[in-house]
N, C-alpha and C. Protein backbone atom coordinates (compact mmCIF):
# COMPACT_ATOMS: atom_id res chain seq x y z
N GLN A 1 0.81 -1.21 0.00
CA GLN A 1 0.00 0.00 0.00
C GLN A 1 0.86 1.27 0.00
N PRO A 2 1.96 1.32 0.76
CA PRO A 2 2.80 2.53 0.70
C PRO A 2 3.35 2.82 -0.69
N VAL A 3 3.69 1.78 -1.44
CA VAL A 3 4.20 1.97 -2.80
C VAL A 3 3.10 2.53 -3.69
N ILE A 4 1.89 1.99 -3.57
CA ILE A 4 0.76 2.48 -4.35
C ILE A 4 0.48 3.94 -4.03
N GLU A 5 0.48 4.28 -2.76
CA GLU A 5 0.23 5.67 -2.37
C GLU A 5 1.30 6.60 -2.91
N PHE A 6 2.56 6.17 -2.84
CA PHE A 6 3.64 7.00 -3.36
C PHE A 6 3.50 7.20 -4.86
N LEU A 7 3.31 6.11 -5.62
CA LEU A 7 3.23 6.22 -7.07
C LEU A 7 1.98 6.99 -7.51
N THR A 8 0.90 6.84 -6.79
CA THR A 8 -0.32 7.59 -7.11
C THR A 8 -0.10 9.09 -6.92
N SER A 9 0.81 9.46 -6.04
CA SER A 9 1.09 10.88 -5.80
C SER A 9 2.07 11.48 -6.80
N GLN A 10 2.60 10.67 -7.70
CA GLN A 10 3.57 11.14 -8.69
C GLN A 10 2.89 11.44 -10.02
N PRO A 11 2.74 12.72 -10.37
CA PRO A 11 2.05 13.09 -11.61
C PRO A 11 2.65 12.45 -12.86
N GLU A 12 3.98 12.27 -12.88
CA GLU A 12 4.62 11.69 -14.05
C GLU A 12 4.21 10.24 -14.25
N VAL A 13 4.09 9.51 -13.17
CA VAL A 13 3.70 8.10 -13.27
C VAL A 13 2.27 7.98 -13.79
N LEU A 14 1.39 8.81 -13.25
CA LEU A 14 0.00 8.79 -13.69
C LEU A 14 -0.14 9.24 -15.15
N ALA A 15 0.62 10.26 -15.53
CA ALA A 15 0.58 10.75 -16.91
C ALA A 15 1.07 9.67 -17.88
N MET A 16 2.15 8.98 -17.52
CA MET A 16 2.66 7.91 -18.37
C MET A 16 1.62 6.81 -18.50
N SER A 17 1.04 6.40 -17.41
CA SER A 17 0.02 5.36 -17.42
C SER A 17 -1.18 5.79 -18.27
N ASP A 18 -1.60 7.03 -18.12
CA ASP A 18 -2.72 7.54 -18.92
C ASP A 18 -2.40 7.56 -20.41
N ASP A 19 -1.16 7.93 -20.75
CA ASP A 19 -0.75 7.94 -22.16
C ASP A 19 -0.76 6.53 -22.75
N ILE A 20 -0.25 5.57 -21.99
CA ILE A 20 -0.23 4.18 -22.46
C ILE A 20 -1.67 3.68 -22.62
N HIS A 21 -2.52 3.99 -21.66
CA HIS A 21 -3.93 3.59 -21.73
C HIS A 21 -4.60 4.17 -22.97
N ALA A 22 -4.37 5.44 -23.23
CA ALA A 22 -4.98 6.09 -24.39
C ALA A 22 -4.54 5.42 -25.69
N LEU A 23 -3.26 5.11 -25.81
CA LEU A 23 -2.73 4.46 -27.00
C LEU A 23 -3.36 3.08 -27.20
N ILE A 24 -3.34 2.28 -26.15
CA ILE A 24 -3.86 0.92 -26.26
C ILE A 24 -5.36 0.93 -26.53
N SER A 25 -6.10 1.73 -25.79
CA SER A 25 -7.56 1.71 -25.96
C SER A 25 -7.98 2.25 -27.32
N ARG A 26 -7.18 3.11 -27.92
CA ARG A 26 -7.48 3.59 -29.27
C ARG A 26 -7.32 2.46 -30.30
N TRP A 27 -6.31 1.62 -30.14
CA TRP A 27 -5.98 0.64 -31.16
C TRP A 27 -6.60 -0.73 -30.96
N ILE A 28 -7.08 -1.06 -29.78
CA ILE A 28 -7.71 -2.37 -29.56
C ILE A 28 -8.86 -2.62 -30.54
N PRO A 29 -9.77 -1.67 -30.76
CA PRO A 29 -10.85 -1.94 -31.73
C PRO A 29 -10.33 -2.25 -33.13
N HIS A 30 -9.25 -1.62 -33.54
CA HIS A 30 -8.69 -1.89 -34.86
C HIS A 30 -8.12 -3.31 -34.94
N PHE A 31 -7.45 -3.73 -33.87
CA PHE A 31 -6.95 -5.11 -33.84
C PHE A 31 -8.11 -6.09 -33.90
N ALA A 32 -9.15 -5.84 -33.13
CA ALA A 32 -10.31 -6.74 -33.11
C ALA A 32 -10.98 -6.79 -34.48
N ASN A 33 -11.10 -5.64 -35.14
CA ASN A 33 -11.72 -5.60 -36.47
C ASN A 33 -10.90 -6.32 -37.53
N ASN A 34 -9.62 -6.54 -37.25
CA ASN A 34 -8.75 -7.24 -38.19
C ASN A 34 -8.50 -8.69 -37.74
N SER A 35 -9.46 -9.21 -36.97
CA SER A 35 -9.45 -10.62 -36.54
C SER A 35 -8.22 -11.00 -35.72
N ARG A 36 -7.69 -10.08 -34.98
CA ARG A 36 -6.58 -10.40 -34.08
C ARG A 36 -7.18 -11.00 -32.81
N SER A 37 -6.71 -12.15 -32.41
CA SER A 37 -7.31 -12.82 -31.26
C SER A 37 -6.69 -12.41 -29.94
N TYR A 38 -5.50 -11.81 -29.99
CA TYR A 38 -4.90 -11.32 -28.75
C TYR A 38 -3.91 -10.20 -29.03
N LEU A 39 -3.64 -9.46 -28.00
CA LEU A 39 -2.67 -8.37 -28.04
C LEU A 39 -1.85 -8.47 -26.77
N THR A 40 -0.54 -8.46 -26.90
CA THR A 40 0.33 -8.51 -25.74
C THR A 40 0.86 -7.11 -25.48
N VAL A 41 0.73 -6.66 -24.24
CA VAL A 41 1.27 -5.38 -23.82
C VAL A 41 2.24 -5.66 -22.69
N ALA A 42 3.46 -5.18 -22.81
CA ALA A 42 4.47 -5.39 -21.78
C ALA A 42 4.88 -4.05 -21.19
N VAL A 43 4.95 -4.00 -19.87
CA VAL A 43 5.37 -2.80 -19.16
C VAL A 43 6.58 -3.18 -18.32
N GLY A 44 7.66 -2.47 -18.47
CA GLY A 44 8.86 -2.80 -17.70
C GLY A 44 9.51 -1.58 -17.11
N CYS A 45 10.34 -1.82 -16.13
CA CYS A 45 11.20 -0.77 -15.55
C CYS A 45 12.43 -1.46 -15.00
N THR A 46 13.37 -0.69 -14.52
CA THR A 46 14.66 -1.26 -14.13
C THR A 46 14.54 -2.32 -13.05
N GLY A 47 13.67 -2.13 -12.09
CA GLY A 47 13.54 -3.11 -11.02
C GLY A 47 12.50 -4.17 -11.29
N GLY A 48 11.39 -3.76 -11.91
CA GLY A 48 10.34 -4.70 -12.26
C GLY A 48 9.44 -5.12 -11.11
N HIS A 49 9.50 -4.40 -9.99
CA HIS A 49 8.71 -4.81 -8.83
C HIS A 49 7.82 -3.70 -8.28
N HIS A 50 7.97 -2.49 -8.77
CA HIS A 50 7.20 -1.38 -8.20
C HIS A 50 6.41 -0.64 -9.26
N ARG A 51 7.09 0.27 -9.98
CA ARG A 51 6.40 1.11 -10.95
C ARG A 51 5.75 0.29 -12.06
N SER A 52 6.46 -0.68 -12.61
CA SER A 52 5.88 -1.46 -13.71
C SER A 52 4.69 -2.28 -13.23
N VAL A 53 4.75 -2.79 -12.02
CA VAL A 53 3.62 -3.55 -11.47
C VAL A 53 2.43 -2.61 -11.25
N PHE A 54 2.69 -1.44 -10.70
CA PHE A 54 1.65 -0.45 -10.48
C PHE A 54 0.97 -0.07 -11.79
N VAL A 55 1.77 0.25 -12.82
CA VAL A 55 1.22 0.66 -14.11
C VAL A 55 0.46 -0.49 -14.76
N ALA A 56 1.02 -1.69 -14.72
CA ALA A 56 0.34 -2.84 -15.32
C ALA A 56 -1.00 -3.11 -14.64
N GLU A 57 -1.03 -3.04 -13.33
CA GLU A 57 -2.28 -3.27 -12.59
C GLU A 57 -3.31 -2.19 -12.93
N ARG A 58 -2.85 -0.95 -13.00
CA ARG A 58 -3.75 0.17 -13.32
C ARG A 58 -4.32 0.01 -14.72
N LEU A 59 -3.46 -0.30 -15.69
CA LEU A 59 -3.91 -0.51 -17.07
C LEU A 59 -4.88 -1.68 -17.16
N TYR A 60 -4.56 -2.74 -16.44
CA TYR A 60 -5.44 -3.91 -16.44
C TYR A 60 -6.85 -3.54 -15.99
N ARG A 61 -6.94 -2.81 -14.89
CA ARG A 61 -8.27 -2.40 -14.39
C ARG A 61 -9.00 -1.52 -15.40
N GLN A 62 -8.30 -0.54 -15.95
CA GLN A 62 -8.93 0.38 -16.90
C GLN A 62 -9.39 -0.35 -18.16
N LEU A 63 -8.53 -1.18 -18.72
CA LEU A 63 -8.85 -1.86 -19.97
C LEU A 63 -9.90 -2.94 -19.77
N ALA A 64 -9.87 -3.62 -18.65
CA ALA A 64 -10.89 -4.64 -18.37
C ALA A 64 -12.26 -4.00 -18.26
N GLU A 65 -12.31 -2.81 -17.69
CA GLU A 65 -13.58 -2.09 -17.58
C GLU A 65 -14.11 -1.73 -18.97
N GLN A 66 -13.22 -1.39 -19.88
CA GLN A 66 -13.61 -1.01 -21.23
C GLN A 66 -13.91 -2.19 -22.13
N PHE A 67 -13.06 -3.21 -22.07
CA PHE A 67 -13.09 -4.25 -23.10
C PHE A 67 -13.44 -5.64 -22.58
N GLY A 68 -13.58 -5.80 -21.29
CA GLY A 68 -13.97 -7.11 -20.77
C GLY A 68 -12.79 -7.94 -20.31
N GLN A 69 -12.89 -9.23 -20.56
CA GLN A 69 -11.95 -10.20 -20.03
C GLN A 69 -10.54 -9.98 -20.55
N LEU A 70 -9.60 -9.89 -19.64
CA LEU A 70 -8.18 -9.75 -19.95
C LEU A 70 -7.38 -10.71 -19.09
N GLN A 71 -6.14 -10.89 -19.43
CA GLN A 71 -5.24 -11.69 -18.60
C GLN A 71 -4.07 -10.82 -18.20
N LEU A 72 -3.70 -10.87 -16.94
CA LEU A 72 -2.57 -10.10 -16.42
C LEU A 72 -1.54 -11.08 -15.89
N LEU A 73 -0.31 -10.94 -16.33
CA LEU A 73 0.78 -11.79 -15.89
C LEU A 73 1.96 -10.91 -15.50
N HIS A 74 2.43 -11.09 -14.29
CA HIS A 74 3.64 -10.38 -13.83
C HIS A 74 4.81 -11.36 -13.94
N ARG A 75 5.62 -11.17 -14.93
CA ARG A 75 6.72 -12.09 -15.20
C ARG A 75 7.73 -12.18 -14.05
N ASP A 76 8.08 -11.02 -13.46
CA ASP A 76 9.15 -10.99 -12.46
C ASP A 76 8.65 -10.88 -11.03
N LEU A 77 7.36 -10.88 -10.82
CA LEU A 77 6.82 -10.73 -9.48
C LEU A 77 6.45 -12.11 -8.94
N SER A 78 7.09 -12.49 -7.86
CA SER A 78 6.81 -13.82 -7.30
C SER A 78 5.69 -13.78 -6.29
């Protein structure tokens, strides 16, 4: 929770996440219209345990609300 609170208070982190969300949500309908069955989105950072997890979780919630069923996998988070 402290990491979430810290990252939520950082305008740059939220702006980056919002930009990624806008890009993905704009193009998902085009992929679907071209019979694409899946889209992989990868988010990374130097450590892979804080910011990237926060952004991936945030994007997952936003996109699932818009488009329905999604799968979220954290490669480096045990």
